[in-house]
Amino acid sequence: MTTTLITGANKGLGHETARRLLAAGHDVWIAARDRERGAAAAQALGARFVPLDVTDDQSAAAAADTVRAASGHLDVLINNAGITGGRIPADDLTAADVERVFATNVFGAVRVIHAFLPLLREADAPSVINVSSGLGSFTVVTTTEWGRFVTPAYSASKSALTMLTVQYAHALPDIRFNAVDPGYTATDLNGHSGTQTITEGTDAVVRLATLGPDTPTGGFFDRTGPVPW
């Protein structure tokens, strides 16, 4: 059975990803900072729960210890936890605002990857999927209508996450690393203004999480295929 851990999975895209992967036969760990909500979500879905604050080294290490004790390995790690940081005008944007977004969206992913690398290496075909965004694509924001969304901290964090994905793929060829763009999906992050359903928004990550040994590496995908850099 494929063992999968999803960060920020007590609601939204992470929760729907967990539901779909459980239906596909995965043994799913829901990781969330909020213990009460995370445990409730896991119980409702029939998943396992592990507390994990992606901004805290000790929390990530403890989560890895919990998964090791129960499962012994990790086949798929999905770095889904993320924040937008709010719509702060560029004139008012401070370094602290950007640091807060990067703390979760970028440093959080690195922290979790580092903590779980030994468990991933115990798997036969380990895979890491980082949930990025089309708003982090230079091509998308400079050549399409999405350029009208001015989100400096969020977009920069997702660009950084996508580049980290590529660098990990080059540096660690024994593990598949890919980034996904969920697309404009109705979630709490955008006040449910997105035009895609929550299920459509998880299509890309679910596809990658279920490919096993056929999983590519170093790519950036949405539900229709490759996303331009």
Protein backbone atom coordinates (compact mmCIF):
# COMPACT_ATOMS: atom_id res chain seq x y z
CA MET A 1 0.00 0.00 0.00
CA THR A 2 1.25 3.48 -0.90
CA THR A 3 1.89 5.63 2.17
CA THR A 4 1.25 9.33 1.57
CA LEU A 5 1.56 12.40 3.78
CA ILE A 6 -0.15 15.70 2.92
CA THR A 7 0.63 18.92 4.78
CA GLY A 8 -2.15 21.41 5.47
CA ALA A 9 -4.69 18.69 4.77
CA ASN A 10 -7.42 19.49 7.28
CA LYS A 11 -9.33 21.52 4.64
CA GLY A 12 -9.35 22.73 1.05
CA LEU A 13 -7.14 21.19 -1.59
CA GLY A 14 -5.22 19.08 0.90
CA HIS A 15 -8.40 17.59 2.33
CA GLU A 16 -9.79 16.76 -1.11
CA THR A 17 -6.46 15.26 -2.14
CA ALA A 18 -6.56 13.07 0.95
CA ARG A 19 -10.10 11.94 0.16
CA ARG A 20 -9.25 11.02 -3.39
CA LEU A 21 -6.03 9.21 -2.53
CA LEU A 22 -7.76 7.23 0.20
CA ALA A 23 -10.30 6.16 -2.42
CA ALA A 24 -7.38 5.13 -4.64
CA GLY A 25 -6.08 2.84 -1.90
CA HIS A 26 -3.39 4.98 -0.30
CA ASP A 27 -2.61 4.94 3.40
CA VAL A 28 -2.92 8.70 3.98
CA TRP A 29 -1.47 10.82 6.75
CA ILE A 30 -3.20 14.16 7.22
CA ALA A 31 -0.68 16.62 8.62
CA ALA A 32 -1.97 19.85 10.09
CA ARG A 33 -0.90 22.52 12.55
CA ASP A 34 -4.29 22.61 14.25
CA ARG A 35 -4.53 19.36 16.19
CA GLU A 36 -8.28 19.48 16.74
CA ARG A 37 -9.21 20.22 13.14
CA GLY A 38 -6.60 17.88 11.75
CA ALA A 39 -7.67 14.97 13.92
CA ALA A 40 -11.34 15.59 13.10
CA ALA A 41 -10.62 15.67 9.37
CA ALA A 42 -8.61 12.46 9.55
CA GLN A 43 -11.31 10.68 11.53
CA ALA A 44 -14.03 11.78 9.11
CA LEU A 45 -12.07 10.53 6.11
CA GLY A 46 -10.59 7.39 7.63
CA ALA A 47 -7.04 8.70 7.40
CA ARG A 48 -4.27 8.97 9.98
CA PHE A 49 -3.38 12.25 11.66
CA VAL A 50 -0.03 13.68 12.62
CA PRO A 51 0.44 17.19 14.05
CA LEU A 52 2.84 19.22 11.93
CA ASP A 53 3.66 22.91 11.93
CA VAL A 54 5.74 23.43 8.80
CA THR A 55 7.35 26.54 10.30
CA ASP A 56 8.87 24.59 13.20
CA ASP A 57 11.88 22.25 12.99
CA GLN A 58 10.97 20.23 16.08
CA SER A 59 7.42 19.74 14.87
CA ALA A 60 8.62 18.43 11.49
CA ALA A 61 11.10 16.08 13.13
CA ALA A 62 8.47 14.77 15.55
CA ALA A 63 6.04 14.17 12.68
CA ALA A 64 8.67 12.18 10.81
CA ASP A 65 9.32 10.09 13.94
CA THR A 66 5.59 9.36 14.25
CA VAL A 67 5.30 8.22 10.63
CA ARG A 68 8.46 6.13 10.92
CA ALA A 69 7.15 4.33 14.00
CA ALA A 70 3.80 3.54 12.37
CA SER A 71 4.66 3.06 8.70
CA GLY A 72 8.44 2.66 8.40
CA HIS A 73 8.61 4.57 5.13
CA LEU A 74 6.92 7.27 3.05
CA ASP A 75 6.11 6.81 -0.64
CA VAL A 76 4.59 10.22 -1.43
CA LEU A 77 5.10 13.57 0.29
CA ILE A 78 2.74 16.35 -0.77
CA ASN A 79 3.76 19.83 0.38
CA ASN A 80 0.35 21.46 0.23
CA ALA A 81 0.44 23.87 3.20
CA GLY A 82 0.50 27.47 2.02
CA ILE A 83 -0.67 31.01 2.73
CA THR A 84 -1.32 34.02 0.52
CA GLY A 85 -0.22 36.67 2.99
CA GLY A 86 -3.17 38.86 2.06
CA ARG A 87 -3.51 41.50 -0.65
CA ILE A 88 -0.98 44.07 0.59
CA PRO A 89 -0.31 46.97 -1.83
CA ALA A 90 3.27 47.03 -3.10
CA ASP A 91 3.77 50.49 -1.58
CA ASP A 92 3.02 49.05 1.85
CA LEU A 93 4.80 45.70 1.48
CA THR A 94 7.53 45.13 4.07
CA ALA A 95 10.27 42.55 4.39
CA ALA A 96 8.37 41.08 7.33
CA ASP A 97 5.32 40.54 5.11
CA VAL A 98 7.39 38.64 2.58
CA GLU A 99 9.23 36.67 5.26
CA ARG A 100 5.92 35.49 6.72
CA VAL A 101 4.77 34.08 3.36
CA PHE A 102 8.12 32.48 2.59
CA ALA A 103 8.21 30.93 6.07
CA THR A 104 5.30 28.66 5.14
CA ASN A 105 5.39 28.41 1.35
CA VAL A 106 9.14 27.97 0.85
CA PHE A 107 11.04 27.32 4.07
CA GLY A 108 8.20 25.11 5.28
CA ALA A 109 8.51 22.85 2.26
CA VAL A 110 12.29 22.62 2.68
CA ARG A 111 11.88 21.84 6.38
CA VAL A 112 9.40 19.02 5.71
CA ILE A 113 11.45 17.57 2.86
CA HIS A 114 14.55 17.53 5.06
CA ALA A 115 12.70 15.82 7.92
CA PHE A 116 11.17 13.14 5.72
CA LEU A 117 14.05 12.39 3.34
CA PRO A 118 15.20 9.31 5.31
CA LEU A 119 11.66 7.90 5.18
CA LEU A 120 11.31 8.66 1.48
CA ARG A 121 14.53 6.77 0.83
CA GLU A 122 13.00 3.70 2.47
CA ALA A 123 10.35 3.62 -0.30
CA ASP A 124 10.67 1.83 -3.65
CA ALA A 125 9.61 4.79 -5.82
CA PRO A 126 9.53 7.91 -3.61
CA SER A 127 7.86 11.07 -4.85
CA VAL A 128 7.63 14.65 -3.58
CA ILE A 129 4.89 16.92 -4.95
CA ASN A 130 5.07 20.62 -4.18
CA VAL A 131 1.84 22.58 -4.61
CA SER A 132 2.91 25.74 -6.43
CA SER A 133 0.81 28.14 -8.53
CA GLY A 134 0.50 29.55 -12.00
CA LEU A 135 0.99 32.93 -10.33
CA GLY A 136 4.56 31.81 -9.75
CA SER A 137 5.15 31.20 -13.46
CA PHE A 138 7.04 34.00 -15.21
CA THR A 139 5.39 33.08 -18.51
CA VAL A 140 1.88 33.06 -17.07
CA VAL A 141 2.12 36.40 -15.29
CA THR A 142 3.82 38.19 -18.19
CA THR A 143 1.84 36.86 -21.14
CA THR A 144 -1.68 36.09 -19.90
CA GLU A 145 -4.57 37.78 -18.15
CA TRP A 146 -3.34 36.41 -14.82
CA GLY A 147 -0.76 39.18 -14.81
CA ARG A 148 -3.49 41.43 -13.48
CA PHE A 149 -3.25 39.67 -10.13
CA VAL A 150 -0.51 41.56 -8.33
CA THR A 151 0.60 39.38 -5.41
CA PRO A 152 4.33 40.07 -4.89
CA ALA A 153 4.99 37.93 -1.82
CA TYR A 154 2.78 35.01 -2.82
CA SER A 155 3.91 34.89 -6.45
CA ALA A 156 7.58 35.19 -5.49
CA SER A 157 7.20 32.39 -2.95
CA LYS A 158 5.65 30.08 -5.53
CA SER A 159 8.37 30.90 -8.06
CA ALA A 160 10.93 30.00 -5.41
CA LEU A 161 9.11 26.77 -4.58
CA THR A 162 9.03 25.74 -8.23
CA MET A 163 12.76 26.42 -8.64
CA LEU A 164 13.49 24.48 -5.46
CA THR A 165 11.54 21.59 -6.97
CA VAL A 166 13.74 21.58 -10.07
CA GLN A 167 16.93 21.84 -8.01
CA TYR A 168 15.90 18.95 -5.78
CA ALA A 169 15.09 16.90 -8.88
CA HIS A 170 18.59 17.53 -10.23
CA ALA A 171 20.33 16.94 -6.91
CA LEU A 172 18.38 13.88 -5.73
CA PRO A 173 17.66 11.68 -8.76
CA ASP A 174 16.60 8.77 -6.54
CA ILE A 175 13.44 10.73 -5.63
CA ARG A 176 10.90 12.23 -8.04
CA PHE A 177 10.25 15.91 -7.43
CA ASN A 178 7.47 17.80 -9.21
CA ALA A 179 5.49 21.01 -8.79
CA VAL A 180 1.79 21.37 -9.52
CA ASP A 181 -0.48 24.30 -10.23
CA PRO A 182 -4.00 23.58 -8.92
CA GLY A 183 -5.43 26.39 -11.07
CA TYR A 184 -7.98 28.97 -9.99
CA THR A 185 -9.89 26.75 -7.59
CA ALA A 186 -12.61 27.78 -5.16
CA THR A 187 -10.97 27.58 -1.71
CA ASP A 188 -10.63 29.64 1.44
CA LEU A 189 -7.42 31.16 0.02
CA ASN A 190 -9.40 33.13 -2.58
CA GLY A 191 -12.69 33.50 -0.74
CA HIS A 192 -14.13 30.67 -2.87
CA SER A 193 -14.01 32.89 -5.95
CA GLY A 194 -12.18 30.31 -8.04
CA THR A 195 -13.76 28.98 -11.21
CA GLN A 196 -12.69 25.34 -10.73
CA THR A 197 -14.19 22.84 -8.32
CA ILE A 198 -12.09 21.55 -5.48
CA THR A 199 -11.91 18.18 -7.24
CA GLU A 200 -10.65 19.74 -10.48
CA GLY A 201 -8.05 21.60 -8.46
CA THR A 202 -6.61 18.34 -7.19
CA ASP A 203 -6.44 16.52 -10.53
CA ALA A 204 -2.75 17.23 -11.16
CA VAL A 205 -1.51 16.24 -7.71
CA VAL A 206 -3.64 13.08 -7.62
CA ARG A 207 -2.37 12.02 -11.05
CA LEU A 208 1.27 12.45 -9.99
CA ALA A 209 0.67 10.76 -6.65
CA THR A 210 -0.70 7.64 -8.33
CA LEU A 211 1.87 7.11 -11.10
CA GLY A 212 4.31 5.15 -8.94
CA PRO A 213 7.52 4.18 -10.79
CA ASP A 214 6.26 6.01 -13.89
CA THR A 215 6.32 9.39 -12.12
CA PRO A 216 8.42 11.96 -14.04
CA THR A 217 10.75 14.33 -12.22
CA GLY A 218 11.62 18.01 -12.43
CA GLY A 219 8.29 19.01 -13.99
CA PHE A 220 5.61 21.64 -13.40
CA PHE A 221 2.07 20.47 -14.20
CA ASP A 222 -1.57 21.48 -14.00
CA ARG A 223 -4.62 19.35 -14.74
CA THR A 224 -4.13 19.75 -18.51
CA GLY A 225 -0.40 19.08 -18.71
CA PRO A 226 2.92 20.95 -18.37
CA VAL A 227 2.88 24.55 -17.12
CA PRO A 228 5.32 27.02 -18.73
CA TRP A 229 8.06 28.28 -16.48
